[in-house]
Amino acid sequence: MLNKLYLILEKPNQHPYGKFMNLFILFLVVVSTIVFYLSTVKELFKYFPLFHSVESVVMVIFTLELILRFLVIGQDPQYKGFYAIPGAILTSALMSKLHSDEKCN
């Protein structure tokens, strides 16, 4: 199962669902960007709760995707063994730092 997830996420041309996953994530990036832009328009302030909900759902999906990528990284021969652990720790630390910086602003 991890091998299939690895192919879907990291080698989309080698799995039938890979292209769908890439297009879905691209769609979510576009939706997130549009929602962010619309949430800054004063005339649309009454829709802010909707924008916030959409952005929250998108962030949960992005977080799940990142967790799945951490889970399947061991399937890549380049990152097997010891080298996967420091990379995962470094990425988690950077994501945590970025998240805490956003809370401060």
C-alpha atoms as a PDB file:
ATOM      1  CA  MET A   1       0.000   0.000   0.000  1.00  0.00           C
ATOM      2  CA  LEU A   2       2.808   2.455   0.834  1.00  0.00           C
ATOM      3  CA  ASN A   3       4.358   1.716  -2.546  1.00  0.00           C
ATOM      4  CA  LYS A   4       1.102   2.665  -4.318  1.00  0.00           C
ATOM      5  CA  LEU A   5       0.832   5.873  -2.294  1.00  0.00           C
ATOM      6  CA  TYR A   6       4.450   6.657  -3.124  1.00  0.00           C
ATOM      7  CA  LEU A   7       3.757   6.246  -6.838  1.00  0.00           C
ATOM      8  CA  ILE A   8       0.624   8.405  -6.641  1.00  0.00           C
ATOM      9  CA  LEU A   9       2.329  11.224  -4.734  1.00  0.00           C
ATOM     10  CA  GLU A  10       5.900  11.150  -6.013  1.00  0.00           C
ATOM     11  CA  LYS A  11       5.773   9.393  -9.403  1.00  0.00           C
ATOM     12  CA  PRO A  12       2.370  10.403 -10.804  1.00  0.00           C
ATOM     13  CA  ASN A  13       3.174   9.207 -14.328  1.00  0.00           C
ATOM     14  CA  GLN A  14       3.606   5.658 -13.030  1.00  0.00           C
ATOM     15  CA  HIS A  15       0.153   5.318 -11.423  1.00  0.00           C
ATOM     16  CA  PRO A  16      -3.333   5.937 -12.881  1.00  0.00           C
ATOM     17  CA  TYR A  17      -4.393   8.111  -9.907  1.00  0.00           C
ATOM     18  CA  GLY A  18      -1.191  10.146  -9.857  1.00  0.00           C
ATOM     19  CA  LYS A  19      -2.287  12.685 -12.447  1.00  0.00           C
ATOM     20  CA  PHE A  20      -5.663  13.056 -10.713  1.00  0.00           C
ATOM     21  CA  MET A  21      -3.903  13.740  -7.397  1.00  0.00           C
ATOM     22  CA  ASN A  22      -1.652  16.375  -8.965  1.00  0.00           C
ATOM     23  CA  LEU A  23      -4.619  18.087 -10.629  1.00  0.00           C
ATOM     24  CA  PHE A  24      -6.598  17.973  -7.380  1.00  0.00           C
ATOM     25  CA  ILE A  25      -3.760  19.587  -5.416  1.00  0.00           C
ATOM     26  CA  LEU A  26      -3.307  22.200  -8.159  1.00  0.00           C
ATOM     27  CA  PHE A  27      -7.058  22.910  -8.016  1.00  0.00           C
ATOM     28  CA  LEU A  28      -6.817  23.376  -4.232  1.00  0.00           C
ATOM     29  CA  VAL A  29      -3.902  25.792  -4.643  1.00  0.00           C
ATOM     30  CA  VAL A  30      -5.954  27.862  -7.090  1.00  0.00           C
ATOM     31  CA  VAL A  31      -9.024  27.765  -4.818  1.00  0.00           C
ATOM     32  CA  SER A  32      -6.928  28.774  -1.813  1.00  0.00           C
ATOM     33  CA  THR A  33      -5.397  31.678  -3.728  1.00  0.00           C
ATOM     34  CA  ILE A  34      -8.778  32.925  -4.952  1.00  0.00           C
ATOM     35  CA  VAL A  35     -10.326  32.618  -1.489  1.00  0.00           C
ATOM     36  CA  PHE A  36      -7.408  34.508   0.035  1.00  0.00           C
ATOM     37  CA  TYR A  37      -7.809  37.279  -2.531  1.00  0.00           C
ATOM     38  CA  LEU A  38     -11.593  37.480  -2.070  1.00  0.00           C
ATOM     39  CA  SER A  39     -11.248  37.598   1.714  1.00  0.00           C
ATOM     40  CA  THR A  40      -9.356  40.896   1.372  1.00  0.00           C
ATOM     41  CA  VAL A  41     -12.178  42.639  -0.516  1.00  0.00           C
ATOM     42  CA  LYS A  42     -14.182  44.820   1.905  1.00  0.00           C
ATOM     43  CA  GLU A  43     -17.422  44.406  -0.031  1.00  0.00           C
ATOM     44  CA  LEU A  44     -17.265  40.637   0.473  1.00  0.00           C
ATOM     45  CA  PHE A  45     -16.676  40.791   4.213  1.00  0.00           C
ATOM     46  CA  LYS A  46     -20.073  39.190   4.894  1.00  0.00           C
ATOM     47  CA  TYR A  47     -18.720  35.998   3.256  1.00  0.00           C
ATOM     48  CA  PHE A  48     -15.655  35.874   5.485  1.00  0.00           C
ATOM     49  CA  PRO A  49     -16.938  32.877   7.526  1.00  0.00           C
ATOM     50  CA  LEU A  50     -17.355  30.921   4.281  1.00  0.00           C
ATOM     51  CA  PHE A  51     -13.879  31.936   3.116  1.00  0.00           C
ATOM     52  CA  HIS A  52     -12.424  30.927   6.462  1.00  0.00           C
ATOM     53  CA  SER A  53     -14.157  27.532   6.291  1.00  0.00           C
ATOM     54  CA  VAL A  54     -12.922  26.847   2.764  1.00  0.00           C
ATOM     55  CA  GLU A  55      -9.386  27.854   3.729  1.00  0.00           C
ATOM     56  CA  SER A  56      -9.511  25.604   6.802  1.00  0.00           C
ATOM     57  CA  VAL A  57     -10.613  22.593   4.742  1.00  0.00           C
ATOM     58  CA  VAL A  58      -7.879  23.245   2.185  1.00  0.00           C
ATOM     59  CA  MET A  59      -5.256  23.497   4.951  1.00  0.00           C
ATOM     60  CA  VAL A  60      -6.405  20.166   6.436  1.00  0.00           C
ATOM     61  CA  ILE A  61      -6.073  18.507   3.011  1.00  0.00           C
ATOM     62  CA  PHE A  62      -2.603  20.021   2.498  1.00  0.00           C
ATOM     63  CA  THR A  63      -1.572  18.812   5.951  1.00  0.00           C
ATOM     64  CA  LEU A  64      -2.830  15.292   5.225  1.00  0.00           C
ATOM     65  CA  GLU A  65      -0.937  15.292   1.941  1.00  0.00           C
ATOM     66  CA  LEU A  66       2.261  16.320   3.733  1.00  0.00           C
ATOM     67  CA  ILE A  67       1.797  13.580   6.348  1.00  0.00           C
ATOM     68  CA  LEU A  68       1.257  11.021   3.591  1.00  0.00           C
ATOM     69  CA  ARG A  69       4.433  12.198   1.883  1.00  0.00           C
ATOM     70  CA  PHE A  70       6.344  11.691   5.146  1.00  0.00           C
ATOM     71  CA  LEU A  71       4.904   8.191   5.452  1.00  0.00           C
ATOM     72  CA  VAL A  72       5.904   7.117   1.944  1.00  0.00           C
ATOM     73  CA  ILE A  73       9.335   8.750   1.706  1.00  0.00           C
ATOM     74  CA  GLY A  74      10.962   5.468   2.756  1.00  0.00           C
ATOM     75  CA  GLN A  75       9.740   3.913  -0.497  1.00  0.00           C
ATOM     76  CA  ASP A  76      12.198   6.059  -2.468  1.00  0.00           C
ATOM     77  CA  PRO A  77      15.593   4.321  -2.675  1.00  0.00           C
ATOM     78  CA  GLN A  78      17.300   7.708  -2.443  1.00  0.00           C
ATOM     79  CA  TYR A  79      15.890   8.287   1.064  1.00  0.00           C
ATOM     80  CA  LYS A  80      15.912   4.771   2.505  1.00  0.00           C
ATOM     81  CA  GLY A  81      17.369   4.254   5.925  1.00  0.00           C
ATOM     82  CA  PHE A  82      19.026   6.886   8.062  1.00  0.00           C
ATOM     83  CA  TYR A  83      18.761   9.810   5.643  1.00  0.00           C
ATOM     84  CA  ALA A  84      14.949   9.891   5.700  1.00  0.00           C
ATOM     85  CA  ILE A  85      14.857  10.682   9.426  1.00  0.00           C
ATOM     86  CA  PRO A  86      16.882  13.949   9.411  1.00  0.00           C
ATOM     87  CA  GLY A  87      15.013  15.139   6.317  1.00  0.00           C
ATOM     88  CA  ALA A  88      11.648  14.529   7.933  1.00  0.00           C
ATOM     89  CA  ILE A  89      12.748  16.209  11.173  1.00  0.00           C
ATOM     90  CA  LEU A  90      14.127  19.222   9.321  1.00  0.00           C
ATOM     91  CA  THR A  91      10.976  19.602   7.230  1.00  0.00           C
ATOM     92  CA  SER A  92       8.752  19.312  10.330  1.00  0.00           C
ATOM     93  CA  ALA A  93      10.831  21.909  12.160  1.00  0.00           C
ATOM     94  CA  LEU A  94      10.624  24.326   9.233  1.00  0.00           C
ATOM     95  CA  MET A  95       6.861  23.833   8.889  1.00  0.00           C
ATOM     96  CA  SER A  96       6.414  24.353  12.634  1.00  0.00           C
ATOM     97  CA  LYS A  97       8.493  27.533  12.509  1.00  0.00           C
ATOM     98  CA  LEU A  98       6.500  28.884   9.566  1.00  0.00           C
ATOM     99  CA  HIS A  99       3.242  28.074  11.322  1.00  0.00           C
ATOM    100  CA  SER A 100       4.315  29.799  14.543  1.00  0.00           C
ATOM    101  CA  ASP A 101       5.462  32.883  12.570  1.00  0.00           C
ATOM    102  CA  GLU A 102       2.010  33.103  10.973  1.00  0.00           C
ATOM    103  CA  LYS A 103       0.354  33.085  14.413  1.00  0.00           C
ATOM    104  CA  CYS A 104       2.562  35.977  15.527  1.00  0.00           C
ATOM    105  CA  ASN A 105       1.552  38.170  12.582  1.00  0.00           C
END
